[in-house]
């Protein structure tokens, strides 16, 4: 496999991570609506991972443009 193929596979895996983060976000909204004491904790996890995902996606895009 060449580097571009590997990056494209990495892009697919990154999309699955983004999809999982979207599911966590929906859980945060649901927990908030239910008045759960865990809303803040789930929001913190979502926020932290969402920031990391955005940076990862940005760097992956730079790599894909370079090849």
N, C-alpha and C. Protein backbone atom coordinates (compact mmCIF):
# COMPACT_ATOMS: atom_id res chain seq x y z
N UNK A 1 0.83 -1.18 0.00
CA UNK A 1 0.00 0.00 0.00
C UNK A 1 0.88 1.25 0.00
N UNK A 2 0.44 2.24 -0.71
CA UNK A 2 1.19 3.50 -0.71
C UNK A 2 0.64 4.43 0.37
N UNK A 3 1.32 5.52 0.58
CA UNK A 3 0.96 6.45 1.65
C UNK A 3 -0.43 7.06 1.45
N UNK A 4 -0.78 7.35 0.22
CA UNK A 4 -2.11 7.94 -0.04
C UNK A 4 -3.21 6.94 0.34
N UNK A 5 -3.05 5.68 -0.01
CA UNK A 5 -4.04 4.66 0.36
C UNK A 5 -4.17 4.54 1.87
N UNK A 6 -3.04 4.58 2.55
CA UNK A 6 -3.07 4.51 4.01
C UNK A 6 -3.78 5.72 4.60
N UNK A 7 -3.52 6.89 4.05
CA UNK A 7 -4.18 8.09 4.55
C UNK A 7 -5.69 8.04 4.29
N UNK A 8 -6.09 7.50 3.17
CA UNK A 8 -7.53 7.38 2.88
C UNK A 8 -8.20 6.41 3.84
N UNK A 9 -7.51 5.33 4.19
CA UNK A 9 -8.06 4.40 5.18
C UNK A 9 -8.13 5.07 6.55
N UNK A 10 -7.13 5.87 6.86
CA UNK A 10 -7.13 6.61 8.11
C UNK A 10 -8.28 7.60 8.14
N UNK A 11 -8.57 8.19 7.01
CA UNK A 11 -9.69 9.13 6.91
C UNK A 11 -11.02 8.43 7.22
N UNK A 12 -11.18 7.20 6.75
CA UNK A 12 -12.39 6.43 7.04
C UNK A 12 -12.51 6.14 8.54
N UNK A 13 -11.40 5.77 9.15
CA UNK A 13 -11.41 5.50 10.59
C UNK A 13 -11.71 6.78 11.37
N UNK A 14 -11.15 7.89 10.91
CA UNK A 14 -11.41 9.18 11.57
C UNK A 14 -12.90 9.53 11.49
N UNK A 15 -13.54 9.20 10.39
CA UNK A 15 -14.97 9.48 10.26
C UNK A 15 -15.78 8.67 11.26
N UNK A 16 -15.37 7.44 11.51
CA UNK A 16 -16.07 6.62 12.50
C UNK A 16 -15.93 7.25 13.90
N UNK A 17 -14.76 7.80 14.18
CA UNK A 17 -14.56 8.48 15.46
C UNK A 17 -15.48 9.69 15.55
N UNK A 18 -15.57 10.46 14.47
CA UNK A 18 -16.46 11.63 14.44
C UNK A 18 -17.91 11.21 14.64
N UNK A 19 -18.30 10.10 14.04
CA UNK A 19 -19.67 9.60 14.22
C UNK A 19 -19.92 9.21 15.69
N UNK A 20 -18.94 8.60 16.32
CA UNK A 20 -19.06 8.25 17.73
C UNK A 20 -19.19 9.49 18.60
N UNK A 21 -18.45 10.53 18.25
CA UNK A 21 -18.56 11.78 19.00
C UNK A 21 -19.94 12.41 18.83
N UNK A 22 -20.51 12.28 17.66
CA UNK A 22 -21.87 12.79 17.45
C UNK A 22 -22.86 12.04 18.35
N UNK A 23 -22.64 10.74 18.51
CA UNK A 23 -23.50 9.95 19.39
C UNK A 23 -23.35 10.40 20.84
N UNK A 24 -22.12 10.69 21.26
CA UNK A 24 -21.90 11.18 22.62
C UNK A 24 -22.59 12.52 22.81
N UNK A 25 -22.53 13.36 21.80
CA UNK A 25 -23.20 14.68 21.88
C UNK A 25 -24.70 14.51 22.07
N UNK A 26 -25.29 13.57 21.35
CA UNK A 26 -26.72 13.30 21.51
C UNK A 26 -27.02 12.81 22.92
N UNK A 27 -26.12 11.98 23.47
CA UNK A 27 -26.29 11.51 24.85
C UNK A 27 -26.25 12.69 25.83
N UNK A 28 -25.35 13.64 25.58
CA UNK A 28 -25.26 14.81 26.44
C UNK A 28 -26.57 15.59 26.43
N UNK A 29 -27.12 15.78 25.24
CA UNK A 29 -28.40 16.50 25.13
C UNK A 29 -29.50 15.75 25.88
N UNK A 30 -29.54 14.43 25.70
CA UNK A 30 -30.56 13.63 26.39
C UNK A 30 -30.40 13.65 27.90
N UNK A 31 -29.15 13.52 28.36
CA UNK A 31 -28.90 13.56 29.80
C UNK A 31 -29.26 14.91 30.39
N UNK A 32 -28.96 15.97 29.64
CA UNK A 32 -29.30 17.30 30.10
C UNK A 32 -30.81 17.45 30.22
N UNK A 33 -31.52 16.96 29.21
CA UNK A 33 -32.99 17.03 29.24
C UNK A 33 -33.59 16.23 30.38
N UNK A 34 -32.90 15.15 30.76
CA UNK A 34 -33.40 14.32 31.86
C UNK A 34 -32.94 14.84 33.22
N UNK A 35 -32.11 15.88 33.21
CA UNK A 35 -31.62 16.42 34.47
C UNK A 35 -30.62 15.52 35.17
N UNK A 36 -29.88 14.74 34.40
CA UNK A 36 -28.94 13.78 34.98
C UNK A 36 -27.73 14.48 35.59
N UNK A 37 -27.25 13.93 36.66
CA UNK A 37 -26.04 14.44 37.30
C UNK A 37 -24.79 14.16 36.47
N UNK A 38 -24.89 13.30 35.47
CA UNK A 38 -23.74 12.93 34.64
C UNK A 38 -23.58 13.80 33.39
N UNK A 39 -24.48 14.74 33.20
CA UNK A 39 -24.42 15.60 32.02
C UNK A 39 -23.08 16.30 31.90
N UNK A 40 -22.61 16.89 32.96
CA UNK A 40 -21.34 17.63 32.93
C UNK A 40 -20.16 16.75 32.58
N UNK A 41 -20.15 15.56 33.13
CA UNK A 41 -19.05 14.64 32.86
C UNK A 41 -19.04 14.21 31.39
N UNK A 42 -20.19 13.85 30.87
CA UNK A 42 -20.27 13.46 29.46
C UNK A 42 -19.95 14.64 28.55
N UNK A 43 -20.38 15.84 28.95
CA UNK A 43 -20.07 17.02 28.15
C UNK A 43 -18.56 17.26 28.13
N UNK A 44 -17.91 17.08 29.25
CA UNK A 44 -16.46 17.28 29.31
C UNK A 44 -15.74 16.29 28.39
N UNK A 45 -16.17 15.04 28.40
CA UNK A 45 -15.57 14.03 27.53
C UNK A 45 -15.80 14.41 26.07
N UNK A 46 -17.05 14.77 25.74
CA UNK A 46 -17.36 15.15 24.37
C UNK A 46 -16.54 16.35 23.93
N UNK A 47 -16.46 17.36 24.78
CA UNK A 47 -15.74 18.59 24.45
C UNK A 47 -14.25 18.31 24.20
N UNK A 48 -13.63 17.57 25.07
CA UNK A 48 -12.21 17.24 24.95
C UNK A 48 -11.95 16.44 23.67
N UNK A 49 -12.73 15.40 23.46
CA UNK A 49 -12.52 14.55 22.28
C UNK A 49 -12.90 15.26 20.99
N UNK A 50 -13.89 16.13 21.05
CA UNK A 50 -14.29 16.89 19.88
C UNK A 50 -13.18 17.82 19.43
N UNK A 51 -12.54 18.48 20.37
CA UNK A 51 -11.40 19.34 20.03
C UNK A 51 -10.27 18.53 19.41
N UNK A 52 -9.98 17.38 19.98
CA UNK A 52 -8.93 16.50 19.45
C UNK A 52 -9.30 16.02 18.05
N UNK A 53 -10.56 15.70 17.84
CA UNK A 53 -11.02 15.23 16.53
C UNK A 53 -10.86 16.33 15.48
N UNK A 54 -11.21 17.55 15.82
CA UNK A 54 -11.07 18.67 14.88
C UNK A 54 -9.62 18.86 14.47
N UNK A 55 -8.73 18.80 15.43
CA UNK A 55 -7.30 18.97 15.13
C UNK A 55 -6.79 17.80 14.28
N UNK A 56 -7.23 16.59 14.61
CA UNK A 56 -6.82 15.42 13.84
C UNK A 56 -7.30 15.53 12.40
N UNK A 57 -8.56 15.92 12.22
CA UNK A 57 -9.12 16.07 10.87
C UNK A 57 -8.36 17.13 10.08
N UNK A 58 -8.00 18.21 10.76
CA UNK A 58 -7.25 19.28 10.11
C UNK A 58 -5.88 18.78 9.64
N UNK A 59 -5.18 18.07 10.50
CA UNK A 59 -3.86 17.56 10.15
C UNK A 59 -3.94 16.48 9.07
N UNK A 60 -4.96 15.66 9.12
CA UNK A 60 -5.16 14.63 8.11
C UNK A 60 -5.41 15.27 6.74
N UNK A 61 -6.19 16.33 6.72
CA UNK A 61 -6.45 17.03 5.46
C UNK A 61 -5.16 17.60 4.88
N UNK A 62 -4.30 18.14 5.73
CA UNK A 62 -3.01 18.66 5.27
C UNK A 62 -2.18 17.54 4.66
N UNK A 63 -2.17 16.40 5.31
CA UNK A 63 -1.41 15.25 4.80
C UNK A 63 -1.96 14.78 3.45
N UNK A 64 -3.28 14.71 3.34
CA UNK A 64 -3.89 14.27 2.08
C UNK A 64 -3.60 15.26 0.94
N UNK A 65 -3.57 16.53 1.26
CA UNK A 65 -3.26 17.54 0.23
C UNK A 65 -1.80 17.43 -0.22
N UNK A 66 -0.94 16.97 0.67
CA UNK A 66 0.48 16.91 0.37
C UNK A 66 0.86 15.74 -0.53
N UNK A 67 0.01 14.73 -0.61
CA UNK A 67 0.35 13.56 -1.44
C UNK A 67 -0.41 13.53 -2.74
